[in-house]
Amino acid sequence: MRALLHDSWDEWVQLIAEAIERGRGDGSIATSVDPVEAARRLAALLESLGQQLTTGLIGPDEARGLLRGAIEKEFPE
């Protein structure tokens, strides 16, 4: 089970990192952003937000606001 979770997590982070790379390529994300590190932080946040939403600790609007704030901090203009 642990190997499956590890592989799934790595795949999830890689998908996010690829999206960040595309943004770096088109100029919408600064080239100084490390795609893998930013992807790991965002994946961790999304994982936690998903758990909080599922358990009712936060609502969708709050989750969106937290994610929006994190994206603004990860990818300043």
C-alpha atoms as a PDB file:
ATOM      1  CA  MET A   1       0.000   0.000   0.000  1.00  0.00           C
ATOM      2  CA  ARG A   2       2.812   2.388   0.874  1.00  0.00           C
ATOM      3  CA  ALA A   3       4.423   1.919  -2.550  1.00  0.00           C
ATOM      4  CA  LEU A   4       1.111   2.641  -4.270  1.00  0.00           C
ATOM      5  CA  LEU A   5       0.620   5.836  -2.226  1.00  0.00           C
ATOM      6  CA  HIS A   6       4.189   6.905  -2.950  1.00  0.00           C
ATOM      7  CA  ASP A   7       3.740   6.370  -6.686  1.00  0.00           C
ATOM      8  CA  SER A   8       0.391   8.189  -6.707  1.00  0.00           C
ATOM      9  CA  TRP A   9       1.841  11.124  -4.784  1.00  0.00           C
ATOM     10  CA  ASP A  10       4.830  11.361  -7.134  1.00  0.00           C
ATOM     11  CA  GLU A  11       2.519  11.296 -10.147  1.00  0.00           C
ATOM     12  CA  TRP A  12       0.310  14.029  -8.655  1.00  0.00           C
ATOM     13  CA  VAL A  13       3.324  16.254  -7.908  1.00  0.00           C
ATOM     14  CA  GLN A  14       4.713  15.624 -11.402  1.00  0.00           C
ATOM     15  CA  LEU A  15       1.439  16.705 -13.030  1.00  0.00           C
ATOM     16  CA  ILE A  16       1.445  19.942 -11.061  1.00  0.00           C
ATOM     17  CA  ALA A  17       5.147  20.509 -11.833  1.00  0.00           C
ATOM     18  CA  GLU A  18       4.458  20.021 -15.546  1.00  0.00           C
ATOM     19  CA  ALA A  19       1.726  22.664 -15.406  1.00  0.00           C
ATOM     20  CA  ILE A  20       4.162  25.026 -13.687  1.00  0.00           C
ATOM     21  CA  GLU A  21       6.772  24.293 -16.364  1.00  0.00           C
ATOM     22  CA  ARG A  22       4.254  25.197 -19.054  1.00  0.00           C
ATOM     23  CA  GLY A  23       3.622  28.469 -17.237  1.00  0.00           C
ATOM     24  CA  ARG A  24       7.350  29.152 -17.089  1.00  0.00           C
ATOM     25  CA  GLY A  25       7.554  28.383 -20.799  1.00  0.00           C
ATOM     26  CA  ASP A  26       4.794  30.810 -21.754  1.00  0.00           C
ATOM     27  CA  GLY A  27       6.017  33.515 -19.378  1.00  0.00           C
ATOM     28  CA  SER A  28       3.023  33.453 -17.033  1.00  0.00           C
ATOM     29  CA  ILE A  29       5.197  32.055 -14.206  1.00  0.00           C
ATOM     30  CA  ALA A  30       8.632  33.428 -13.375  1.00  0.00           C
ATOM     31  CA  THR A  31      11.567  31.253 -14.392  1.00  0.00           C
ATOM     32  CA  SER A  32      12.915  31.641 -10.843  1.00  0.00           C
ATOM     33  CA  VAL A  33      10.114  29.381  -9.546  1.00  0.00           C
ATOM     34  CA  ASP A  34      11.315  25.830  -8.878  1.00  0.00           C
ATOM     35  CA  PRO A  35       8.549  23.694 -10.444  1.00  0.00           C
ATOM     36  CA  VAL A  36       9.050  20.611  -8.281  1.00  0.00           C
ATOM     37  CA  GLU A  37       9.316  22.472  -4.972  1.00  0.00           C
ATOM     38  CA  ALA A  38       6.296  24.648  -5.760  1.00  0.00           C
ATOM     39  CA  ALA A  39       4.384  21.556  -6.898  1.00  0.00           C
ATOM     40  CA  ARG A  40       5.173  19.738  -3.658  1.00  0.00           C
ATOM     41  CA  ARG A  41       3.929  22.655  -1.565  1.00  0.00           C
ATOM     42  CA  LEU A  42       0.748  23.037  -3.604  1.00  0.00           C
ATOM     43  CA  ALA A  43       0.055  19.294  -3.577  1.00  0.00           C
ATOM     44  CA  ALA A  44       0.426  19.237   0.212  1.00  0.00           C
ATOM     45  CA  LEU A  45      -1.962  22.165   0.529  1.00  0.00           C
ATOM     46  CA  LEU A  46      -4.496  20.567  -1.811  1.00  0.00           C
ATOM     47  CA  GLU A  47      -4.299  17.287   0.104  1.00  0.00           C
ATOM     48  CA  SER A  48      -5.019  19.047   3.375  1.00  0.00           C
ATOM     49  CA  LEU A  49      -7.778  21.208   1.920  1.00  0.00           C
ATOM     50  CA  GLY A  50      -9.426  18.094   0.496  1.00  0.00           C
ATOM     51  CA  GLN A  51      -9.428  16.454   3.907  1.00  0.00           C
ATOM     52  CA  GLN A  52     -10.776  19.586   5.564  1.00  0.00           C
ATOM     53  CA  LEU A  53     -13.546  19.905   2.975  1.00  0.00           C
ATOM     54  CA  THR A  54     -14.469  16.239   3.295  1.00  0.00           C
ATOM     55  CA  THR A  55     -14.728  16.433   7.070  1.00  0.00           C
ATOM     56  CA  GLY A  56     -16.608  19.729   7.018  1.00  0.00           C
ATOM     57  CA  LEU A  57     -13.920  21.703   8.820  1.00  0.00           C
ATOM     58  CA  ILE A  58     -13.999  24.336   6.085  1.00  0.00           C
ATOM     59  CA  GLY A  59     -16.367  25.197   3.270  1.00  0.00           C
ATOM     60  CA  PRO A  60     -15.687  25.470  -0.452  1.00  0.00           C
ATOM     61  CA  ASP A  61     -15.395  29.264  -0.417  1.00  0.00           C
ATOM     62  CA  GLU A  62     -12.787  29.195   2.328  1.00  0.00           C
ATOM     63  CA  ALA A  63     -10.850  26.426   0.555  1.00  0.00           C
ATOM     64  CA  ARG A  64     -10.842  28.447  -2.683  1.00  0.00           C
ATOM     65  CA  GLY A  65      -9.628  31.518  -0.812  1.00  0.00           C
ATOM     66  CA  LEU A  66      -6.808  29.615   0.846  1.00  0.00           C
ATOM     67  CA  LEU A  67      -5.747  28.070  -2.450  1.00  0.00           C
ATOM     68  CA  ARG A  68      -5.945  31.435  -4.226  1.00  0.00           C
ATOM     69  CA  GLY A  69      -3.731  32.998  -1.534  1.00  0.00           C
ATOM     70  CA  ALA A  70      -1.195  30.187  -1.801  1.00  0.00           C
ATOM     71  CA  ILE A  71      -1.021  30.507  -5.587  1.00  0.00           C
ATOM     72  CA  GLU A  72      -0.499  34.263  -5.281  1.00  0.00           C
ATOM     73  CA  LYS A  73       2.386  33.669  -2.865  1.00  0.00           C
ATOM     74  CA  GLU A  74       3.942  30.882  -4.973  1.00  0.00           C
ATOM     75  CA  PHE A  75       3.710  32.822  -8.229  1.00  0.00           C
ATOM     76  CA  PRO A  76       4.053  36.549  -7.520  1.00  0.00           C
ATOM     77  CA  GLU A  77       3.617  38.830 -10.498  1.00  0.00           C
END
